[in-house]
Amino acid sequence: MKTKTASSIVRRSVALPQELVEEVQAVAPADLRHNLNRLVIVALQEFAARQKARTFEETIAQMAADPALQRMNATIAEELRETEEDGLPHG
């Protein structure tokens, strides 16, 4: 693992409810259970990944609903159907 330099670390003080900390530590993997800093880092990384995935899925859904893209996809599908009858063996 890379060594972090002072300039690549952001220090923040946060106040967490004791019950939340206990709940998270109870369900955390053993290697994270007693390292709250690392646990918060992993949680934030997972949160960022979920948000990126959600944004991507929403973008794809918007594209799929776009009538212009639907027409273009239909045209491409029709052109590909024509190549299926090219006389070459399938399978």
PDB file of N, CA and C in Angstrom:
ATOM      1  N   MET A   1       0.841  -1.179   0.000  1.00  0.00           N
ATOM      2  CA  MET A   1       0.000   0.000   0.000  1.00  0.00           C
ATOM      3  C   MET A   1       0.885   1.241   0.000  1.00  0.00           C
ATOM      4  N   LYS A   2       0.478   2.255  -0.739  1.00  0.00           N
ATOM      5  CA  LYS A   2       1.249   3.491  -0.812  1.00  0.00           C
ATOM      6  C   LYS A   2       1.243   4.203   0.536  1.00  0.00           C
ATOM      7  N   THR A   3       2.342   4.840   0.840  1.00  0.00           N
ATOM      8  CA  THR A   3       2.400   5.668   2.030  1.00  0.00           C
ATOM      9  C   THR A   3       1.766   7.010   1.700  1.00  0.00           C
ATOM     10  N   LYS A   4       0.876   7.460   2.552  1.00  0.00           N
ATOM     11  CA  LYS A   4       0.198   8.733   2.337  1.00  0.00           C
ATOM     12  C   LYS A   4       1.084   9.869   2.833  1.00  0.00           C
ATOM     13  N   THR A   5       1.148  10.915   2.051  1.00  0.00           N
ATOM     14  CA  THR A   5       1.869  12.101   2.488  1.00  0.00           C
ATOM     15  C   THR A   5       0.893  13.009   3.218  1.00  0.00           C
ATOM     16  N   ALA A   6       1.437  13.938   3.964  1.00  0.00           N
ATOM     17  CA  ALA A   6       0.592  14.844   4.737  1.00  0.00           C
ATOM     18  C   ALA A   6      -0.388  15.594   3.848  1.00  0.00           C
ATOM     19  N   SER A   7       0.021  15.921   2.627  1.00  0.00           N
ATOM     20  CA  SER A   7      -0.851  16.694   1.749  1.00  0.00           C
ATOM     21  C   SER A   7      -1.967  15.848   1.133  1.00  0.00           C
ATOM     22  N   SER A   8      -1.865  14.509   1.188  1.00  0.00           N
ATOM     23  CA  SER A   8      -2.901  13.674   0.588  1.00  0.00           C
ATOM     24  C   SER A   8      -3.913  13.167   1.611  1.00  0.00           C
ATOM     25  N   ILE A   9      -3.771  13.575   2.833  1.00  0.00           N
ATOM     26  CA  ILE A   9      -4.691  13.173   3.898  1.00  0.00           C
ATOM     27  C   ILE A   9      -5.507  14.385   4.330  1.00  0.00           C
ATOM     28  N   VAL A  10      -6.820  14.211   4.382  1.00  0.00           N
ATOM     29  CA  VAL A  10      -7.707  15.263   4.877  1.00  0.00           C
ATOM     30  C   VAL A  10      -8.173  14.841   6.263  1.00  0.00           C
ATOM     31  N   ARG A  11      -7.930  15.662   7.226  1.00  0.00           N
ATOM     32  CA  ARG A  11      -8.352  15.345   8.594  1.00  0.00           C
ATOM     33  C   ARG A  11      -9.638  16.102   8.900  1.00  0.00           C
ATOM     34  N   ARG A  12     -10.617  15.353   9.401  1.00  0.00           N
ATOM     35  CA  ARG A  12     -11.897  15.942   9.786  1.00  0.00           C
ATOM     36  C   ARG A  12     -12.296  15.365  11.131  1.00  0.00           C
ATOM     37  N   SER A  13     -12.912  16.173  11.922  1.00  0.00           N
ATOM     38  CA  SER A  13     -13.447  15.713  13.197  1.00  0.00           C
ATOM     39  C   SER A  13     -14.946  15.545  13.024  1.00  0.00           C
ATOM     40  N   VAL A  14     -15.435  14.371  13.330  1.00  0.00           N
ATOM     41  CA  VAL A  14     -16.868  14.123  13.212  1.00  0.00           C
ATOM     42  C   VAL A  14     -17.389  13.593  14.539  1.00  0.00           C
ATOM     43  N   ALA A  15     -18.640  13.891  14.806  1.00  0.00           N
ATOM     44  CA  ALA A  15     -19.298  13.385  16.010  1.00  0.00           C
ATOM     45  C   ALA A  15     -20.257  12.286  15.582  1.00  0.00           C
ATOM     46  N   LEU A  16     -20.026  11.086  16.077  1.00  0.00           N
ATOM     47  CA  LEU A  16     -20.854   9.943  15.719  1.00  0.00           C
ATOM     48  C   LEU A  16     -21.621   9.461  16.940  1.00  0.00           C
ATOM     49  N   PRO A  17     -22.881   9.121  16.758  1.00  0.00           N
ATOM     50  CA  PRO A  17     -23.633   8.567  17.884  1.00  0.00           C
ATOM     51  C   PRO A  17     -22.996   7.250  18.351  1.00  0.00           C
ATOM     52  N   GLN A  18     -22.857   7.085  19.641  1.00  0.00           N
ATOM     53  CA  GLN A  18     -22.241   5.882  20.204  1.00  0.00           C
ATOM     54  C   GLN A  18     -22.954   4.622  19.717  1.00  0.00           C
ATOM     55  N   GLU A  19     -24.284   4.667  19.660  1.00  0.00           N
ATOM     56  CA  GLU A  19     -25.047   3.497  19.215  1.00  0.00           C
ATOM     57  C   GLU A  19     -24.682   3.113  17.778  1.00  0.00           C
ATOM     58  N   LEU A  20     -24.490   4.108  16.921  1.00  0.00           N
ATOM     59  CA  LEU A  20     -24.116   3.827  15.533  1.00  0.00           C
ATOM     60  C   LEU A  20     -22.739   3.177  15.470  1.00  0.00           C
ATOM     61  N   VAL A  21     -21.789   3.714  16.213  1.00  0.00           N
ATOM     62  CA  VAL A  21     -20.438   3.151  16.233  1.00  0.00           C
ATOM     63  C   VAL A  21     -20.487   1.700  16.707  1.00  0.00           C
ATOM     64  N   GLU A  22     -21.237   1.435  17.763  1.00  0.00           N
ATOM     65  CA  GLU A  22     -21.337   0.070  18.286  1.00  0.00           C
ATOM     66  C   GLU A  22     -22.000  -0.860  17.275  1.00  0.00           C
ATOM     67  N   GLU A  23     -23.050  -0.381  16.621  1.00  0.00           N
ATOM     68  CA  GLU A  23     -23.745  -1.199  15.626  1.00  0.00           C
ATOM     69  C   GLU A  23     -22.824  -1.539  14.456  1.00  0.00           C
ATOM     70  N   VAL A  24     -22.112  -0.532  13.971  1.00  0.00           N
ATOM     71  CA  VAL A  24     -21.221  -0.741  12.834  1.00  0.00           C
ATOM     72  C   VAL A  24     -20.072  -1.670  13.220  1.00  0.00           C
ATOM     73  N   GLN A  25     -19.515  -1.479  14.388  1.00  0.00           N
ATOM     74  CA  GLN A  25     -18.423  -2.347  14.820  1.00  0.00           C
ATOM     75  C   GLN A  25     -18.899  -3.790  14.992  1.00  0.00           C
ATOM     76  N   ALA A  26     -20.140  -3.969  15.393  1.00  0.00           N
ATOM     77  CA  ALA A  26     -20.679  -5.315  15.588  1.00  0.00           C
ATOM     78  C   ALA A  26     -20.813  -6.074  14.271  1.00  0.00           C
ATOM     79  N   VAL A  27     -21.071  -5.361  13.186  1.00  0.00           N
ATOM     80  CA  VAL A  27     -21.279  -6.031  11.894  1.00  0.00           C
ATOM     81  C   VAL A  27     -20.078  -5.906  10.957  1.00  0.00           C
ATOM     82  N   ALA A  28     -19.078  -5.163  11.359  1.00  0.00           N
ATOM     83  CA  ALA A  28     -17.901  -4.947  10.508  1.00  0.00           C
ATOM     84  C   ALA A  28     -17.051  -6.211  10.433  1.00  0.00           C
ATOM     85  N   PRO A  29     -16.334  -6.374   9.317  1.00  0.00           N
ATOM     86  CA  PRO A  29     -15.379  -7.485   9.235  1.00  0.00           C
ATOM     87  C   PRO A  29     -14.344  -7.359  10.356  1.00  0.00           C
ATOM     88  N   ALA A  30     -13.812  -8.469  10.782  1.00  0.00           N
ATOM     89  CA  ALA A  30     -12.891  -8.491  11.923  1.00  0.00           C
ATOM     90  C   ALA A  30     -11.725  -7.520  11.764  1.00  0.00           C
ATOM     91  N   ASP A  31     -11.186  -7.408  10.544  1.00  0.00           N
ATOM     92  CA  ASP A  31     -10.020  -6.536  10.352  1.00  0.00           C
ATOM     93  C   ASP A  31     -10.360  -5.050  10.449  1.00  0.00           C
ATOM     94  N   LEU A  32     -11.637  -4.707  10.411  1.00  0.00           N
ATOM     95  CA  LEU A  32     -12.045  -3.300  10.519  1.00  0.00           C
ATOM     96  C   LEU A  32     -12.716  -2.986  11.854  1.00  0.00           C
ATOM     97  N   ARG A  33     -13.099  -3.994  12.573  1.00  0.00           N
ATOM     98  CA  ARG A  33     -13.938  -3.832  13.762  1.00  0.00           C
ATOM     99  C   ARG A  33     -13.377  -2.843  14.779  1.00  0.00           C
ATOM    100  N   HIS A  34     -12.076  -2.845  14.967  1.00  0.00           N
ATOM    101  CA  HIS A  34     -11.488  -1.996  16.013  1.00  0.00           C
ATOM    102  C   HIS A  34     -10.619  -0.878  15.440  1.00  0.00           C
ATOM    103  N   ASN A  35     -10.838  -0.563  14.170  1.00  0.00           N
ATOM    104  CA  ASN A  35     -10.107   0.533  13.535  1.00  0.00           C
ATOM    105  C   ASN A  35     -11.146   1.461  12.904  1.00  0.00           C
ATOM    106  N   LEU A  36     -11.669   2.368  13.704  1.00  0.00           N
ATOM    107  CA  LEU A  36     -12.759   3.236  13.252  1.00  0.00           C
ATOM    108  C   LEU A  36     -12.348   4.085  12.050  1.00  0.00           C
ATOM    109  N   ASN A  37     -11.126   4.568  12.031  1.00  0.00           N
ATOM    110  CA  ASN A  37     -10.670   5.374  10.901  1.00  0.00           C
ATOM    111  C   ASN A  37     -10.755   4.571   9.605  1.00  0.00           C
ATOM    112  N   ARG A  38     -10.223   3.364   9.620  1.00  0.00           N
ATOM    113  CA  ARG A  38     -10.254   2.509   8.416  1.00  0.00           C
ATOM    114  C   ARG A  38     -11.689   2.138   8.057  1.00  0.00           C
ATOM    115  N   LEU A  39     -12.511   1.894   9.058  1.00  0.00           N
ATOM    116  CA  LEU A  39     -13.914   1.557   8.827  1.00  0.00           C
ATOM    117  C   LEU A  39     -14.644   2.704   8.130  1.00  0.00           C
ATOM    118  N   VAL A  40     -14.381   3.926   8.554  1.00  0.00           N
ATOM    119  CA  VAL A  40     -14.996   5.097   7.919  1.00  0.00           C
ATOM    120  C   VAL A  40     -14.488   5.243   6.486  1.00  0.00           C
ATOM    121  N   ILE A  41     -13.211   5.016   6.263  1.00  0.00           N
ATOM    122  CA  ILE A  41     -12.657   5.105   4.905  1.00  0.00           C
ATOM    123  C   ILE A  41     -13.345   4.101   3.989  1.00  0.00           C
ATOM    124  N   VAL A  42     -13.455   2.855   4.430  1.00  0.00           N
ATOM    125  CA  VAL A  42     -14.096   1.813   3.619  1.00  0.00           C
ATOM    126  C   VAL A  42     -15.558   2.165   3.365  1.00  0.00           C
ATOM    127  N   ALA A  43     -16.245   2.644   4.395  1.00  0.00           N
ATOM    128  CA  ALA A  43     -17.660   3.012   4.235  1.00  0.00           C
ATOM    129  C   ALA A  43     -17.819   4.138   3.217  1.00  0.00           C
ATOM    130  N   LEU A  44     -16.945   5.126   3.263  1.00  0.00           N
ATOM    131  CA  LEU A  44     -17.026   6.231   2.308  1.00  0.00           C
ATOM    132  C   LEU A  44     -16.675   5.776   0.895  1.00  0.00           C
ATOM    133  N   GLN A  45     -15.712   4.876   0.765  1.00  0.00           N
ATOM    134  CA  GLN A  45     -15.376   4.335  -0.558  1.00  0.00           C
ATOM    135  C   GLN A  45     -16.569   3.570  -1.141  1.00  0.00           C
ATOM    136  N   GLU A  46     -17.208   2.755  -0.309  1.00  0.00           N
ATOM    137  CA  GLU A  46     -18.369   1.993  -0.769  1.00  0.00           C
ATOM    138  C   GLU A  46     -19.524   2.926  -1.121  1.00  0.00           C
ATOM    139  N   PHE A  47     -19.721   3.977  -0.334  1.00  0.00           N
ATOM    140  CA  PHE A  47     -20.767   4.957  -0.613  1.00  0.00           C
ATOM    141  C   PHE A  47     -20.516   5.623  -1.962  1.00  0.00           C
ATOM    142  N   ALA A  48     -19.276   6.049  -2.196  1.00  0.00           N
ATOM    143  CA  ALA A  48     -18.939   6.704  -3.466  1.00  0.00           C
ATOM    144  C   ALA A  48     -19.166   5.755  -4.641  1.00  0.00           C
ATOM    145  N   ALA A  49     -18.783   4.495  -4.485  1.00  0.00           N
ATOM    146  CA  ALA A  49     -18.978   3.512  -5.562  1.00  0.00           C
ATOM    147  C   ALA A  49     -20.463   3.307  -5.849  1.00  0.00           C
ATOM    148  N   ARG A  50     -21.282   3.226  -4.795  1.00  0.00           N
ATOM    149  CA  ARG A  50     -22.738   3.065  -4.990  1.00  0.00           C
ATOM    150  C   ARG A  50     -23.334   4.282  -5.686  1.00  0.00           C
ATOM    151  N   GLN A  51     -22.886   5.465  -5.309  1.00  0.00           N
ATOM    152  CA  GLN A  51     -23.407   6.682  -5.936  1.00  0.00           C
ATOM    153  C   GLN A  51     -23.031   6.736  -7.416  1.00  0.00           C
ATOM    154  N   LYS A  52     -21.791   6.368  -7.740  1.00  0.00           N
ATOM    155  CA  LYS A  52     -21.359   6.345  -9.139  1.00  0.00           C
ATOM    156  C   LYS A  52     -22.168   5.330  -9.930  1.00  0.00           C
ATOM    157  N   ALA A  53     -22.397   4.163  -9.341  1.00  0.00           N
ATOM    158  CA  ALA A  53     -23.183   3.127 -10.024  1.00  0.00           C
ATOM    159  C   ALA A  53     -24.612   3.601 -10.236  1.00  0.00           C
ATOM    160  N   ARG A  54     -25.181   4.256  -9.231  1.00  0.00           N
ATOM    161  CA  ARG A  54     -26.550   4.750  -9.353  1.00  0.00           C
ATOM    162  C   ARG A  54     -26.647   5.810 -10.443  1.00  0.00           C
ATOM    163  N   THR A  55     -25.686   6.715 -10.489  1.00  0.00           N
ATOM    164  CA  THR A  55     -25.662   7.747 -11.526  1.00  0.00           C
ATOM    165  C   THR A  55     -25.554   7.117 -12.908  1.00  0.00           C
ATOM    166  N   PHE A  56     -24.688   6.111 -13.044  1.00  0.00           N
ATOM    167  CA  PHE A  56     -24.530   5.419 -14.322  1.00  0.00           C
ATOM    168  C   PHE A  56     -25.841   4.751 -14.734  1.00  0.00           C
ATOM    169  N   GLU A  57     -26.475   4.045 -13.799  1.00  0.00           N
ATOM    170  CA  GLU A  57     -27.736   3.363 -14.100  1.00  0.00           C
ATOM    171  C   GLU A  57     -28.826   4.354 -14.503  1.00  0.00           C
ATOM    172  N   GLU A  58     -28.889   5.491 -13.818  1.00  0.00           N
ATOM    173  CA  GLU A  58     -29.881   6.509 -14.163  1.00  0.00           C
ATOM    174  C   GLU A  58     -29.617   7.070 -15.561  1.00  0.00           C
ATOM    175  N   THR A  59     -28.345   7.283 -15.883  1.00  0.00           N
ATOM    176  CA  THR A  59     -27.983   7.794 -17.206  1.00  0.00           C
ATOM    177  C   THR A  59     -28.368   6.799 -18.290  1.00  0.00           C
ATOM    178  N   ILE A  60     -28.083   5.526 -18.064  1.00  0.00           N
ATOM    179  CA  ILE A  60     -28.435   4.489 -19.036  1.00  0.00           C
ATOM    180  C   ILE A  60     -29.948   4.407 -19.194  1.00  0.00           C
ATOM    181  N   ALA A  61     -30.685   4.505 -18.094  1.00  0.00           N
ATOM    182  CA  ALA A  61     -32.151   4.460 -18.167  1.00  0.00           C
ATOM    183  C   ALA A  61     -32.692   5.647 -18.960  1.00  0.00           C
ATOM    184  N   GLN A  62     -32.112   6.822 -18.764  1.00  0.00           N
ATOM    185  CA  GLN A  62     -32.538   7.997 -19.527  1.00  0.00           C
ATOM    186  C   GLN A  62     -32.242   7.811 -21.007  1.00  0.00           C
ATOM    187  N   MET A  63     -31.091   7.240 -21.313  1.00  0.00           N
ATOM    188  CA  MET A  63     -30.745   6.996 -22.712  1.00  0.00           C
ATOM    189  C   MET A  63     -31.707   5.981 -23.324  1.00  0.00           C
ATOM    190  N   ALA A  64     -32.034   4.938 -22.570  1.00  0.00           N
ATOM    191  CA  ALA A  64     -32.936   3.902 -23.083  1.00  0.00           C
ATOM    192  C   ALA A  64     -34.326   4.455 -23.342  1.00  0.00           C
ATOM    193  N   ALA A  65     -34.709   5.488 -22.607  1.00  0.00           N
ATOM    194  CA  ALA A  65     -36.037   6.083 -22.774  1.00  0.00           C
ATOM    195  C   ALA A  65     -36.066   7.152 -23.866  1.00  0.00           C
ATOM    196  N   ASP A  66     -34.926   7.511 -24.396  1.00  0.00           N
ATOM    197  CA  ASP A  66     -34.831   8.563 -25.412  1.00  0.00           C
ATOM    198  C   ASP A  66     -35.354   8.045 -26.753  1.00  0.00           C
ATOM    199  N   PRO A  67     -36.428   8.659 -27.281  1.00  0.00           N
ATOM    200  CA  PRO A  67     -37.005   8.193 -28.550  1.00  0.00           C
ATOM    201  C   PRO A  67     -36.006   8.198 -29.709  1.00  0.00           C
ATOM    202  N   ALA A  68     -35.125   9.172 -29.755  1.00  0.00           N
ATOM    203  CA  ALA A  68     -34.141   9.231 -30.841  1.00  0.00           C
ATOM    204  C   ALA A  68     -33.198   8.030 -30.770  1.00  0.00           C
ATOM    205  N   LEU A  69     -32.759   7.693 -29.569  1.00  0.00           N
ATOM    206  CA  LEU A  69     -31.881   6.532 -29.421  1.00  0.00           C
ATOM    207  C   LEU A  69     -32.631   5.235 -29.699  1.00  0.00           C
ATOM    208  N   GLN A  70     -33.902   5.182 -29.325  1.00  0.00           N
ATOM    209  CA  GLN A  70     -34.703   3.993 -29.623  1.00  0.00           C
ATOM    210  C   GLN A  70     -34.808   3.791 -31.134  1.00  0.00           C
ATOM    211  N   ARG A  71     -35.021   4.880 -31.869  1.00  0.00           N
ATOM    212  CA  ARG A  71     -35.092   4.781 -33.333  1.00  0.00           C
ATOM    213  C   ARG A  71     -33.752   4.328 -33.916  1.00  0.00           C
ATOM    214  N   MET A  72     -32.673   4.908 -33.418  1.00  0.00           N
ATOM    215  CA  MET A  72     -31.352   4.532 -33.904  1.00  0.00           C
ATOM    216  C   MET A  72     -31.078   3.051 -33.615  1.00  0.00           C
ATOM    217  N   ASN A  73     -31.420   2.590 -32.414  1.00  0.00           N
ATOM    218  CA  ASN A  73     -31.222   1.186 -32.068  1.00  0.00           C
ATOM    219  C   ASN A  73     -32.058   0.278 -32.958  1.00  0.00           C
ATOM    220  N   ALA A  74     -33.285   0.695 -33.267  1.00  0.00           N
ATOM    221  CA  ALA A  74     -34.143  -0.099 -34.149  1.00  0.00           C
ATOM    222  C   ALA A  74     -33.529  -0.191 -35.542  1.00  0.00           C
ATOM    223  N   THR A  75     -32.972   0.907 -36.017  1.00  0.00           N
ATOM    224  CA  THR A  75     -32.319   0.917 -37.332  1.00  0.00           C
ATOM    225  C   THR A  75     -31.118  -0.024 -37.341  1.00  0.00           C
ATOM    226  N   ILE A  76     -30.306   0.062 -36.313  1.00  0.00           N
ATOM    227  CA  ILE A  76     -29.129  -0.810 -36.224  1.00  0.00           C
ATOM    228  C   ILE A  76     -29.558  -2.273 -36.153  1.00  0.00           C
ATOM    229  N   ALA A  77     -30.584  -2.556 -35.351  1.00  0.00           N
ATOM    230  CA  ALA A  77     -31.073  -3.935 -35.236  1.00  0.00           C
ATOM    231  C   ALA A  77     -31.557  -4.450 -36.582  1.00  0.00           C
ATOM    232  N   GLU A  78     -32.240  -3.609 -37.329  1.00  0.00           N
ATOM    233  CA  GLU A  78     -32.727  -4.014 -38.654  1.00  0.00           C
ATOM    234  C   GLU A  78     -31.552  -4.288 -39.592  1.00  0.00           C
ATOM    235  N   GLU A  79     -30.546  -3.433 -39.556  1.00  0.00           N
ATOM    236  CA  GLU A  79     -29.365  -3.643 -40.397  1.00  0.00           C
ATOM    237  C   GLU A  79     -28.649  -4.943 -40.023  1.00  0.00           C
ATOM    238  N   LEU A  80     -28.600  -5.245 -38.753  1.00  0.00           N
ATOM    239  CA  LEU A  80     -27.959  -6.488 -38.323  1.00  0.00           C
ATOM    240  C   LEU A  80     -28.782  -7.707 -38.725  1.00  0.00           C
ATOM    241  N   ARG A  81     -30.109  -7.571 -38.700  1.00  0.00           N
ATOM    242  CA  ARG A  81     -30.973  -8.673 -39.140  1.00  0.00           C
ATOM    243  C   ARG A  81     -30.681  -9.031 -40.593  1.00  0.00           C
ATOM    244  N   GLU A  82     -30.416  -8.024 -41.393  1.00  0.00           N
ATOM    245  CA  GLU A  82     -30.101  -8.258 -42.801  1.00  0.00           C
ATOM    246  C   GLU A  82     -28.827  -9.083 -42.946  1.00  0.00           C
ATOM    247  N   THR A  83     -27.864  -8.890 -42.075  1.00  0.00           N
ATOM    248  CA  THR A  83     -26.615  -9.653 -42.170  1.00  0.00           C
ATOM    249  C   THR A  83     -26.799 -11.090 -41.714  1.00  0.00           C
ATOM    250  N   GLU A  84     -27.862 -11.357 -40.961  1.00  0.00           N
ATOM    251  CA  GLU A  84     -28.120 -12.730 -40.534  1.00  0.00           C
ATOM    252  C   GLU A  84     -28.461 -13.620 -41.723  1.00  0.00           C
ATOM    253  N   GLU A  85     -28.860 -13.023 -42.810  1.00  0.00           N
ATOM    254  CA  GLU A  85     -29.231 -13.780 -43.998  1.00  0.00           C
ATOM    255  C   GLU A  85     -28.118 -13.730 -45.042  1.00  0.00           C
ATOM    256  N   ASP A  86     -26.884 -13.713 -44.589  1.00  0.00           N
ATOM    257  CA  ASP A  86     -25.749 -13.586 -45.500  1.00  0.00           C
ATOM    258  C   ASP A  86     -25.306 -14.911 -46.109  1.00  0.00           C
ATOM    259  N   GLY A  87     -25.965 -15.991 -45.765  1.00  0.00           N
ATOM    260  CA  GLY A  87     -25.642 -17.288 -46.336  1.00  0.00           C
ATOM    261  C   GLY A  87     -24.549 -18.041 -45.603  1.00  0.00           C
ATOM    262  N   LEU A  88     -23.983 -17.448 -44.585  1.00  0.00           N
ATOM    263  CA  LEU A  88     -22.953 -18.137 -43.816  1.00  0.00           C
ATOM    264  C   LEU A  88     -23.613 -19.062 -42.799  1.00  0.00           C
ATOM    265  N   PRO A  89     -22.965 -20.188 -42.488  1.00  0.00           N
ATOM    266  CA  PRO A  89     -23.557 -21.098 -41.500  1.00  0.00           C
ATOM    267  C   PRO A  89     -23.590 -20.439 -40.124  1.00  0.00           C
ATOM    268  N   HIS A  90     -24.638 -20.703 -39.377  1.00  0.00           N
ATOM    269  CA  HIS A  90     -24.794 -20.157 -38.019  1.00  0.00           C
ATOM    270  C   HIS A  90     -24.628 -21.291 -37.023  1.00  0.00           C
ATOM    271  N   GLY A  91     -24.157 -20.947 -35.850  1.00  0.00           N
ATOM    272  CA  GLY A  91     -24.118 -21.943 -34.797  1.00  0.00           C
ATOM    273  C   GLY A  91     -22.774 -22.287 -34.419  1.00  0.00           C
TER     274      GLY A  91
END
